[in-house]
Amino acid sequence: MSKKQPQDSNQTHLDDENTSQVLTLKQEATSFLNGVRHGRMGSFPAVIGFLVLVVLFSFLSPVFFTQLNFANLLQQSAPLIILAMGLVFILLIAEIDLSAGVTSGLASAIFVVVLKNFGFPWWLSIILSLLVGMTIGVVIGIMVAKVGIPSFVVTLAAFLAFQGLQLMVIGQGGLYRVETPAILALENDNLSVGFGWALAIILVGFVLINGLVSRRRRTKNGHANRAISTLYFRVAITALVVFTSVYFLNLPRGSNPEFQLQGVPVAVLVVLVVLIPCTYLLNRTPFGIHVYAVGGNPEAARRAGINVSSLRIIIFMIGSGLASISGLMAASRVGTVDAAAGRTIVLSGVAAAVVGGVSLFGGRGKLTDAVVGGFVIAVIDNGLGLLSLPAGLNLAVTGGVLLMAATADALSRKHGTLTGR
């Protein structure tokens, strides 16, 4: 079987310039500019957009850049980011899941109903809701991969059907309060100050070790490597952002001097627990190789011996499973579950993935793109809300950002086709 390592845009740049074992900084700069010229920008535009939005809203609202709002922004974006990560898997194989939001709502509905009406333990209720979500993904995957129905049609039908099922589970006009401490802690509690610093050290160490392992693997495979100074620069930037954020979040926040909050939100830990193993799955395993291969050229992947149908089923299962986790996070944040839970978040989830740099045409993107894109969407929502602007403007701005990202993706793909890159 032919095995081709999945490569992000930066790795592709390196291979294009594979004239020496270790690239100089000048070669890397040239490689990056070539990538930008050919549309391989990844999450770079989203990062720039995020920074511009942060500066803009900090200038327009004195409340925006405060410890309390920063923590609120992290908690607000967590359900969206997790849902978007599930959609990244699906977009990588050039499919779409319009039912992901409703799946998240149905999973949270099943959780509260079996917990309160049937007396299930909270941990068993969580497992059951996740199993229901993954089963939904398997069914959708079978309809797409085995029956041959386009994913747009299957997931649109599921979107409508599961709204009805959720209504039957919750009941017309029904509303359940989430009172389980373990679930409420996901979006409302904070890590201790010491735990936050330990998490920061672990995260920076992970970036360093992952970079060193990647260099060793590329050297072993005969590929060009970035200059070691580039890795150290990336680690230094990561350390600066992470340690500054942890320090900022560990400061007391709140308007009541007798009741101060401090610490990194638990929601950040949940996102990392999902992000790190899923990133490893995509970047360090044969499964990830197959995902990028199918997204790039399904027929070539099939001829190479990859079971494309089974992979598509697994991908939809993963996407729906992550949607279920997103639903539990959303229920924790709101504190209630009703029949309308999850109906609109899928649109923001797709927007987060695409704005972050994931291609709608498959084969290009990373899970970290969903994180960056999720922050962009959350900052727009949060910032406009602080300015007391109409909710309709939020949707209009988000739609415009999504359209620009999709246009850039389409033009990039068209340019790549014309130039053979």
Protein backbone atom coordinates (compact mmCIF):
# COMPACT_ATOMS: atom_id res chain seq x y z
CA MET A 1 0.00 0.00 0.00
CA SER A 2 1.29 3.41 -0.86
CA LYS A 3 1.61 5.54 2.22
CA LYS A 4 2.01 9.25 1.80
CA GLN A 5 2.37 11.35 4.91
CA PRO A 6 -0.35 13.99 5.30
CA GLN A 7 1.23 17.36 4.99
CA ASP A 8 0.00 20.74 6.04
CA SER A 9 0.75 23.79 3.95
CA ASN A 10 4.02 24.55 5.75
CA GLN A 11 5.28 21.00 5.23
CA THR A 12 4.40 21.25 1.56
CA HIS A 13 6.47 24.42 1.33
CA LEU A 14 9.44 22.58 2.75
CA ASP A 15 9.20 19.75 0.26
CA ASP A 16 8.91 22.24 -2.57
CA GLU A 17 12.24 23.71 -1.46
CA ASN A 18 13.90 20.36 -0.69
CA THR A 19 17.33 21.31 -1.90
CA SER A 20 19.13 20.79 1.40
CA GLN A 21 18.61 18.81 4.56
CA VAL A 22 18.17 21.91 6.74
CA LEU A 23 16.61 25.03 5.27
CA THR A 24 18.03 28.45 6.05
CA LEU A 25 15.77 31.19 7.37
CA LYS A 26 15.94 32.89 3.96
CA GLN A 27 14.79 29.69 2.24
CA GLU A 28 11.95 29.35 4.74
CA ALA A 29 10.84 32.93 4.15
CA THR A 30 10.90 32.34 0.39
CA SER A 31 8.98 29.10 0.86
CA PHE A 32 6.34 30.84 2.97
CA LEU A 33 5.90 33.63 0.43
CA ASN A 34 5.58 31.06 -2.36
CA GLY A 35 2.89 29.33 -0.34
CA VAL A 36 1.00 32.58 0.14
CA ARG A 37 1.31 33.32 -3.58
CA HIS A 38 -0.19 29.92 -4.40
CA GLY A 39 -2.97 30.20 -1.82
CA ARG A 40 -1.50 27.87 0.82
CA MET A 41 -1.95 30.23 3.75
CA GLY A 42 -3.57 27.90 6.28
CA SER A 43 -4.82 29.74 9.36
CA PHE A 44 -2.54 32.76 8.81
CA PRO A 45 -5.35 35.11 7.59
CA ALA A 46 -7.56 34.01 10.50
CA VAL A 47 -4.79 34.74 13.02
CA ILE A 48 -4.32 38.22 11.54
CA GLY A 49 -8.08 38.77 11.55
CA PHE A 50 -8.29 37.63 15.18
CA LEU A 51 -5.58 40.08 16.25
CA VAL A 52 -7.25 42.93 14.34
CA LEU A 53 -10.60 42.17 15.98
CA VAL A 54 -9.05 42.04 19.45
CA VAL A 55 -7.39 45.44 18.96
CA LEU A 56 -10.57 46.93 17.47
CA PHE A 57 -12.93 45.74 20.22
CA SER A 58 -10.41 46.63 22.94
CA PHE A 59 -10.45 50.19 21.59
CA LEU A 60 -14.26 50.33 21.25
CA SER A 61 -15.16 48.68 24.57
CA PRO A 62 -13.20 49.09 27.83
CA VAL A 63 -14.79 45.87 29.09
CA PHE A 64 -13.52 43.67 26.25
CA PHE A 65 -9.90 43.24 27.32
CA THR A 66 -10.50 42.35 30.97
CA GLN A 67 -9.85 39.15 32.91
CA LEU A 68 -13.56 38.50 33.34
CA ASN A 69 -14.40 38.88 29.66
CA PHE A 70 -11.31 36.91 28.58
CA ALA A 71 -12.43 33.97 30.71
CA ASN A 72 -15.98 34.38 29.43
CA LEU A 73 -14.69 34.37 25.83
CA LEU A 74 -12.83 31.09 26.40
CA GLN A 75 -15.92 29.49 27.93
CA GLN A 76 -18.19 30.88 25.22
CA SER A 77 -16.03 29.52 22.41
CA ALA A 78 -15.45 26.00 23.84
CA PRO A 79 -18.67 24.30 22.57
CA LEU A 80 -18.22 25.92 19.15
CA ILE A 81 -14.56 24.88 18.88
CA ILE A 82 -15.29 21.26 19.79
CA LEU A 83 -18.14 21.10 17.26
CA ALA A 84 -15.89 22.70 14.62
CA MET A 85 -13.17 20.12 15.29
CA GLY A 86 -15.66 17.37 14.49
CA LEU A 87 -16.60 19.18 11.30
CA VAL A 88 -12.91 19.46 10.33
CA PHE A 89 -12.72 15.67 10.12
CA ILE A 90 -15.73 15.66 7.79
CA LEU A 91 -14.57 18.59 5.65
CA LEU A 92 -11.16 16.94 5.21
CA ILE A 93 -12.83 14.16 3.20
CA ALA A 94 -14.81 16.74 1.19
CA GLU A 95 -18.13 16.00 2.90
CA ILE A 96 -20.49 18.12 5.01
CA ASP A 97 -22.65 17.49 8.07
CA LEU A 98 -25.58 19.87 8.46
CA SER A 99 -27.00 17.78 11.32
CA ALA A 100 -24.05 18.23 13.70
CA GLY A 101 -25.77 20.99 15.66
CA VAL A 102 -29.00 19.05 16.10
CA THR A 103 -26.96 15.99 17.08
CA SER A 104 -25.37 18.05 19.84
CA GLY A 105 -28.80 19.19 21.02
CA LEU A 106 -30.26 15.67 20.89
CA ALA A 107 -27.31 14.28 22.86
CA SER A 108 -27.78 16.87 25.61
CA ALA A 109 -31.54 16.18 25.61
CA ILE A 110 -30.99 12.45 26.04
CA PHE A 111 -28.51 13.15 28.84
CA VAL A 112 -30.94 15.19 30.95
CA VAL A 113 -33.97 12.98 30.24
CA VAL A 114 -32.37 9.65 31.19
CA LEU A 115 -30.75 11.34 34.18
CA LYS A 116 -33.91 12.93 35.57
CA ASN A 117 -36.74 10.76 34.28
CA PHE A 118 -35.08 7.36 34.52
CA GLY A 119 -32.69 7.93 37.40
CA PHE A 120 -29.52 6.95 35.55
CA PRO A 121 -26.19 7.90 37.18
CA TRP A 122 -24.71 11.04 35.63
CA TRP A 123 -21.68 9.20 34.24
CA LEU A 124 -23.87 6.56 32.58
CA SER A 125 -26.10 9.30 31.14
CA ILE A 126 -23.02 10.91 29.57
CA ILE A 127 -21.90 7.60 28.06
CA LEU A 128 -25.38 6.96 26.68
CA SER A 129 -25.61 10.41 25.09
CA LEU A 130 -22.18 9.96 23.47
CA LEU A 131 -23.15 6.52 22.17
CA VAL A 132 -26.33 7.94 20.66
CA GLY A 133 -24.32 10.67 18.95
CA MET A 134 -21.78 8.23 17.52
CA THR A 135 -24.57 5.91 16.37
CA ILE A 136 -26.12 8.82 14.48
CA GLY A 137 -22.77 9.38 12.79
CA VAL A 138 -22.49 5.72 11.81
CA VAL A 139 -25.98 5.76 10.26
CA ILE A 140 -25.21 8.94 8.32
CA GLY A 141 -21.88 7.50 7.21
CA ILE A 142 -23.53 4.31 5.94
CA MET A 143 -26.09 6.31 3.96
CA VAL A 144 -23.30 8.37 2.39
CA ALA A 145 -20.63 5.71 1.88
CA LYS A 146 -22.66 2.58 1.19
CA VAL A 147 -25.94 3.84 -0.27
CA GLY A 148 -24.30 6.69 -2.17
CA ILE A 149 -26.58 9.56 -1.13
CA PRO A 150 -24.78 12.94 -1.06
CA SER A 151 -23.87 14.00 2.46
CA PHE A 152 -25.66 17.32 1.97
CA VAL A 153 -28.98 15.51 1.40
CA VAL A 154 -28.49 12.91 4.15
CA THR A 155 -27.49 15.41 6.81
CA LEU A 156 -30.20 17.88 5.78
CA ALA A 157 -32.77 15.10 6.23
CA ALA A 158 -31.16 14.21 9.57
CA PHE A 159 -31.27 17.87 10.58
CA LEU A 160 -35.03 17.92 10.10
CA ALA A 161 -35.72 14.46 11.53
CA PHE A 162 -33.63 14.89 14.68
CA GLN A 163 -35.33 18.18 15.45
CA GLY A 164 -38.57 16.23 15.62
CA LEU A 165 -36.97 13.50 17.72
CA GLN A 166 -35.52 16.06 20.09
CA LEU A 167 -38.94 17.65 20.45
CA MET A 168 -40.42 14.25 21.33
CA VAL A 169 -37.68 13.59 23.88
CA ILE A 170 -37.98 16.97 25.60
CA GLY A 171 -41.67 17.58 25.00
CA GLN A 172 -43.47 20.56 23.52
CA GLY A 173 -42.37 23.63 25.45
CA GLY A 174 -40.31 21.44 27.76
CA LEU A 175 -37.20 22.62 29.54
CA TYR A 176 -34.85 20.68 31.79
CA ARG A 177 -32.43 22.27 34.21
CA VAL A 178 -28.90 20.91 34.33
CA GLU A 179 -28.07 20.41 38.00
CA THR A 180 -25.30 17.79 37.86
CA PRO A 181 -22.18 19.35 39.44
CA ALA A 182 -19.82 17.39 37.17
CA ILE A 183 -21.50 18.80 34.05
CA LEU A 184 -21.92 22.32 35.38
CA ALA A 185 -18.22 22.37 36.25
CA LEU A 186 -17.27 22.01 32.57
CA GLU A 187 -18.27 25.58 31.74
CA ASN A 188 -18.52 27.25 35.13
CA ASP A 189 -15.54 26.15 37.22
CA ASN A 190 -11.89 27.16 37.07
CA LEU A 191 -8.67 25.26 37.58
CA SER A 192 -6.55 26.08 40.60
CA VAL A 193 -3.74 28.58 40.10
CA GLY A 194 -1.11 25.85 40.44
CA PHE A 195 -2.92 23.53 38.04
CA GLY A 196 -3.12 26.33 35.48
CA TRP A 197 0.64 26.89 35.59
CA ALA A 198 1.29 23.15 35.39
CA LEU A 199 -0.99 22.91 32.37
CA ALA A 200 0.87 25.80 30.71
CA ILE A 201 4.24 24.11 31.23
CA ILE A 202 2.91 20.80 29.88
CA LEU A 203 1.45 22.52 26.81
CA VAL A 204 4.66 24.38 25.96
CA GLY A 205 6.67 21.21 26.57
CA PHE A 206 4.36 19.32 24.25
CA VAL A 207 4.93 21.86 21.46
CA LEU A 208 8.70 21.56 21.90
CA ILE A 209 8.76 17.74 22.03
CA ASN A 210 6.34 17.45 19.12
CA GLY A 211 8.55 19.75 17.05
CA LEU A 212 11.69 17.78 17.86
CA VAL A 213 9.99 14.47 17.05
CA SER A 214 8.72 15.91 13.77
CA ARG A 215 12.24 17.05 12.85
CA ARG A 216 13.66 13.61 13.60
CA ARG A 217 10.95 11.92 11.53
CA ARG A 218 11.48 14.23 8.56
CA THR A 219 15.24 13.67 8.73
CA LYS A 220 14.71 9.91 8.84
CA ASN A 221 12.43 10.11 5.79
CA GLY A 222 14.93 12.25 3.86
CA HIS A 223 12.80 15.41 3.87
CA ALA A 224 14.05 18.95 4.34
CA ASN A 225 13.84 20.39 7.84
CA ARG A 226 13.21 23.86 9.14
CA ALA A 227 16.11 25.57 10.86
CA ILE A 228 16.15 24.66 14.55
CA SER A 229 15.86 28.38 15.33
CA THR A 230 12.41 28.33 13.71
CA LEU A 231 11.25 25.66 16.14
CA TYR A 232 12.66 27.60 19.08
CA PHE A 233 10.93 30.75 17.83
CA ARG A 234 7.61 28.90 17.60
CA VAL A 235 8.05 27.50 21.11
CA ALA A 236 8.97 30.96 22.41
CA ILE A 237 5.85 32.52 20.88
CA THR A 238 3.70 29.69 22.27
CA ALA A 239 5.25 30.14 25.71
CA LEU A 240 4.68 33.90 25.59
CA VAL A 241 1.00 33.53 24.65
CA VAL A 242 0.29 30.65 27.04
CA PHE A 243 2.11 32.01 30.09
CA THR A 244 0.72 35.52 29.59
CA SER A 245 -2.81 34.10 29.29
CA VAL A 246 -2.43 31.95 32.40
CA TYR A 247 -1.02 34.87 34.38
CA PHE A 248 -3.91 37.07 33.20
CA LEU A 249 -6.52 34.43 34.09
CA ASN A 250 -4.97 33.71 37.49
CA LEU A 251 -5.53 37.32 38.55
CA PRO A 252 -8.70 37.88 40.65
CA ARG A 253 -11.66 38.87 38.51
CA GLY A 254 -15.20 39.90 39.35
CA SER A 255 -17.06 42.95 40.63
CA ASN A 256 -17.71 41.59 44.13
CA PRO A 257 -14.58 41.92 46.30
CA GLU A 258 -15.89 39.23 48.67
CA PHE A 259 -16.31 36.69 45.88
CA GLN A 260 -13.49 36.73 43.38
CA LEU A 261 -12.93 34.25 40.57
CA GLN A 262 -9.49 33.27 39.35
CA GLY A 263 -7.84 30.51 37.37
CA VAL A 264 -7.98 29.01 33.89
CA PRO A 265 -11.53 27.88 32.99
CA VAL A 266 -12.09 24.12 33.02
CA ALA A 267 -13.48 24.52 29.49
CA VAL A 268 -9.93 25.17 28.25
CA LEU A 269 -8.80 21.83 29.67
CA VAL A 270 -11.73 20.05 27.98
CA VAL A 271 -10.81 21.57 24.61
CA LEU A 272 -7.18 20.48 25.04
CA VAL A 273 -8.25 16.96 26.05
CA VAL A 274 -10.14 16.73 22.75
CA LEU A 275 -7.62 18.61 20.61
CA ILE A 276 -4.36 16.83 21.50
CA PRO A 277 -5.38 13.18 20.91
CA CYS A 278 -7.39 14.08 17.80
CA THR A 279 -4.41 15.99 16.42
CA TYR A 280 -2.20 12.99 17.08
CA LEU A 281 -4.75 10.79 15.30
CA LEU A 282 -4.66 12.99 12.19
CA ASN A 283 -0.95 13.76 12.09
CA ARG A 284 0.80 10.71 13.48
CA THR A 285 -1.20 7.62 12.50
CA PRO A 286 -1.99 5.69 9.29
CA PHE A 287 -5.62 6.66 9.82
CA GLY A 288 -4.70 10.32 9.43
CA ILE A 289 -2.70 9.53 6.31
CA HIS A 290 -5.78 7.88 4.84
CA VAL A 291 -8.03 10.83 5.77
CA TYR A 292 -5.88 13.31 3.86
CA ALA A 293 -5.48 10.87 0.97
CA VAL A 294 -9.24 10.39 0.60
CA GLY A 295 -9.82 14.13 0.86
CA GLY A 296 -7.20 14.85 -1.78
CA ASN A 297 -8.21 12.19 -4.30
CA PRO A 298 -10.69 9.46 -3.25
CA GLU A 299 -10.21 7.39 -6.40
CA ALA A 300 -6.43 7.36 -6.05
CA ALA A 301 -6.84 6.45 -2.38
CA ARG A 302 -9.12 3.56 -3.31
CA ARG A 303 -6.61 2.29 -5.86
CA ALA A 304 -3.90 2.50 -3.20
CA GLY A 305 -5.87 0.02 -1.10
CA ILE A 306 -7.61 2.36 1.33
CA ASN A 307 -11.12 1.28 2.37
CA VAL A 308 -12.76 4.60 1.53
CA SER A 309 -16.28 3.56 2.56
CA SER A 310 -15.24 2.40 6.03
CA LEU A 311 -13.16 5.50 6.55
CA ARG A 312 -16.08 7.77 5.68
CA ILE A 313 -18.29 5.95 8.18
CA ILE A 314 -15.67 6.33 10.92
CA ILE A 315 -15.22 10.01 10.10
CA PHE A 316 -18.94 10.73 10.45
CA MET A 317 -18.95 8.77 13.71
CA ILE A 318 -16.10 10.91 15.07
CA GLY A 319 -17.81 14.10 13.91
CA SER A 320 -21.09 13.21 15.63
CA GLY A 321 -19.27 12.05 18.75
CA LEU A 322 -17.53 15.41 19.08
CA ALA A 323 -20.87 17.11 18.39
CA SER A 324 -22.29 15.24 21.40
CA ILE A 325 -19.47 16.52 23.61
CA SER A 326 -20.17 20.01 22.29
CA GLY A 327 -23.83 19.60 23.26
CA LEU A 328 -22.91 18.69 26.83
CA MET A 329 -20.60 21.70 27.01
CA ALA A 330 -23.37 23.98 25.73
CA ALA A 331 -25.82 22.53 28.28
CA SER A 332 -23.27 23.19 31.01
CA ARG A 333 -22.87 26.80 29.93
CA VAL A 334 -26.57 27.62 29.57
CA GLY A 335 -27.67 25.46 32.50
CA THR A 336 -30.77 24.22 30.66
CA VAL A 337 -31.76 22.01 27.73
CA ASP A 338 -34.84 22.62 25.60
CA ALA A 339 -36.25 21.41 22.29
CA ALA A 340 -34.37 24.09 20.33
CA ALA A 341 -30.90 23.30 21.70
CA GLY A 342 -28.22 23.04 19.02
CA ARG A 343 -30.29 24.14 16.03
CA THR A 344 -28.15 27.06 14.92
CA ILE A 345 -24.64 26.25 16.16
CA VAL A 346 -23.79 24.08 13.14
CA LEU A 347 -23.68 27.16 10.91
CA SER A 348 -21.19 28.79 13.24
CA GLY A 349 -19.26 25.51 13.41
CA VAL A 350 -18.82 25.32 9.65
CA ALA A 351 -17.91 29.00 9.62
CA ALA A 352 -15.27 28.44 12.33
CA ALA A 353 -13.63 25.60 10.42
CA VAL A 354 -13.60 27.39 7.06
CA VAL A 355 -12.56 30.77 8.47
CA GLY A 356 -9.74 28.99 10.30
CA GLY A 357 -8.35 27.70 7.02
CA VAL A 358 -9.95 24.29 6.39
CA SER A 359 -10.74 23.74 2.72
CA LEU A 360 -14.32 23.05 1.66
CA PHE A 361 -12.91 20.88 -1.12
CA GLY A 362 -11.20 18.37 1.16
CA GLY A 363 -7.66 17.28 1.88
CA ARG A 364 -6.41 20.51 3.45
CA GLY A 365 -6.70 21.75 7.00
CA LYS A 366 -5.82 21.05 10.63
CA LEU A 367 -7.72 20.80 13.89
CA THR A 368 -5.95 23.90 15.17
CA ASP A 369 -7.64 25.77 12.32
CA ALA A 370 -10.95 25.08 14.08
CA VAL A 371 -9.55 26.59 17.28
CA VAL A 372 -8.41 29.77 15.53
CA GLY A 373 -11.63 30.05 13.52
CA GLY A 374 -13.72 29.38 16.62
CA PHE A 375 -11.99 32.24 18.43
CA VAL A 376 -12.63 34.57 15.48
CA ILE A 377 -16.36 33.77 15.46
CA ALA A 378 -16.57 34.02 19.26
CA VAL A 379 -14.75 37.37 19.31
CA ILE A 380 -17.18 38.77 16.73
CA ASP A 381 -20.15 37.60 18.79
CA ASN A 382 -18.67 38.74 22.09
CA GLY A 383 -17.42 42.11 20.86
CA LEU A 384 -20.62 43.10 19.08
CA GLY A 385 -22.60 42.01 22.13
CA LEU A 386 -20.55 44.26 24.41
CA LEU A 387 -21.23 47.17 22.05
CA SER A 388 -24.98 46.43 22.34
CA LEU A 389 -25.33 46.18 18.58
CA PRO A 390 -28.28 44.29 17.03
CA ALA A 391 -28.03 40.50 16.91
CA GLY A 392 -28.75 40.65 13.19
CA LEU A 393 -25.50 42.51 12.64
CA ASN A 394 -23.62 39.66 14.30
CA LEU A 395 -25.07 37.18 11.82
CA ALA A 396 -24.39 39.50 8.90
CA VAL A 397 -20.75 40.03 9.88
CA THR A 398 -20.20 36.31 10.49
CA GLY A 399 -21.75 35.51 7.12
CA GLY A 400 -19.52 38.04 5.40
CA VAL A 401 -16.39 36.63 7.05
CA LEU A 402 -17.41 33.11 6.02
CA LEU A 403 -18.03 34.21 2.43
CA MET A 404 -14.60 35.85 2.23
CA ALA A 405 -12.92 32.73 3.62
CA ALA A 406 -14.79 30.44 1.22
CA THR A 407 -13.97 32.73 -1.71
CA ALA A 408 -10.28 32.69 -0.80
CA ASP A 409 -10.41 28.89 -0.56
CA ALA A 410 -12.08 28.55 -3.97
CA LEU A 411 -9.66 30.96 -5.66
CA SER A 412 -6.74 29.18 -4.02
CA ARG A 413 -7.94 25.81 -5.29
CA LYS A 414 -8.56 27.24 -8.78
CA HIS A 415 -5.10 28.80 -8.88
CA GLY A 416 -3.54 25.57 -7.70
CA THR A 417 -5.32 23.65 -10.45
CA LEU A 418 -4.15 26.07 -13.13
CA THR A 419 -0.54 26.00 -11.94
CA GLY A 420 -0.48 22.30 -11.16
CA ARG A 421 0.35 22.87 -7.49
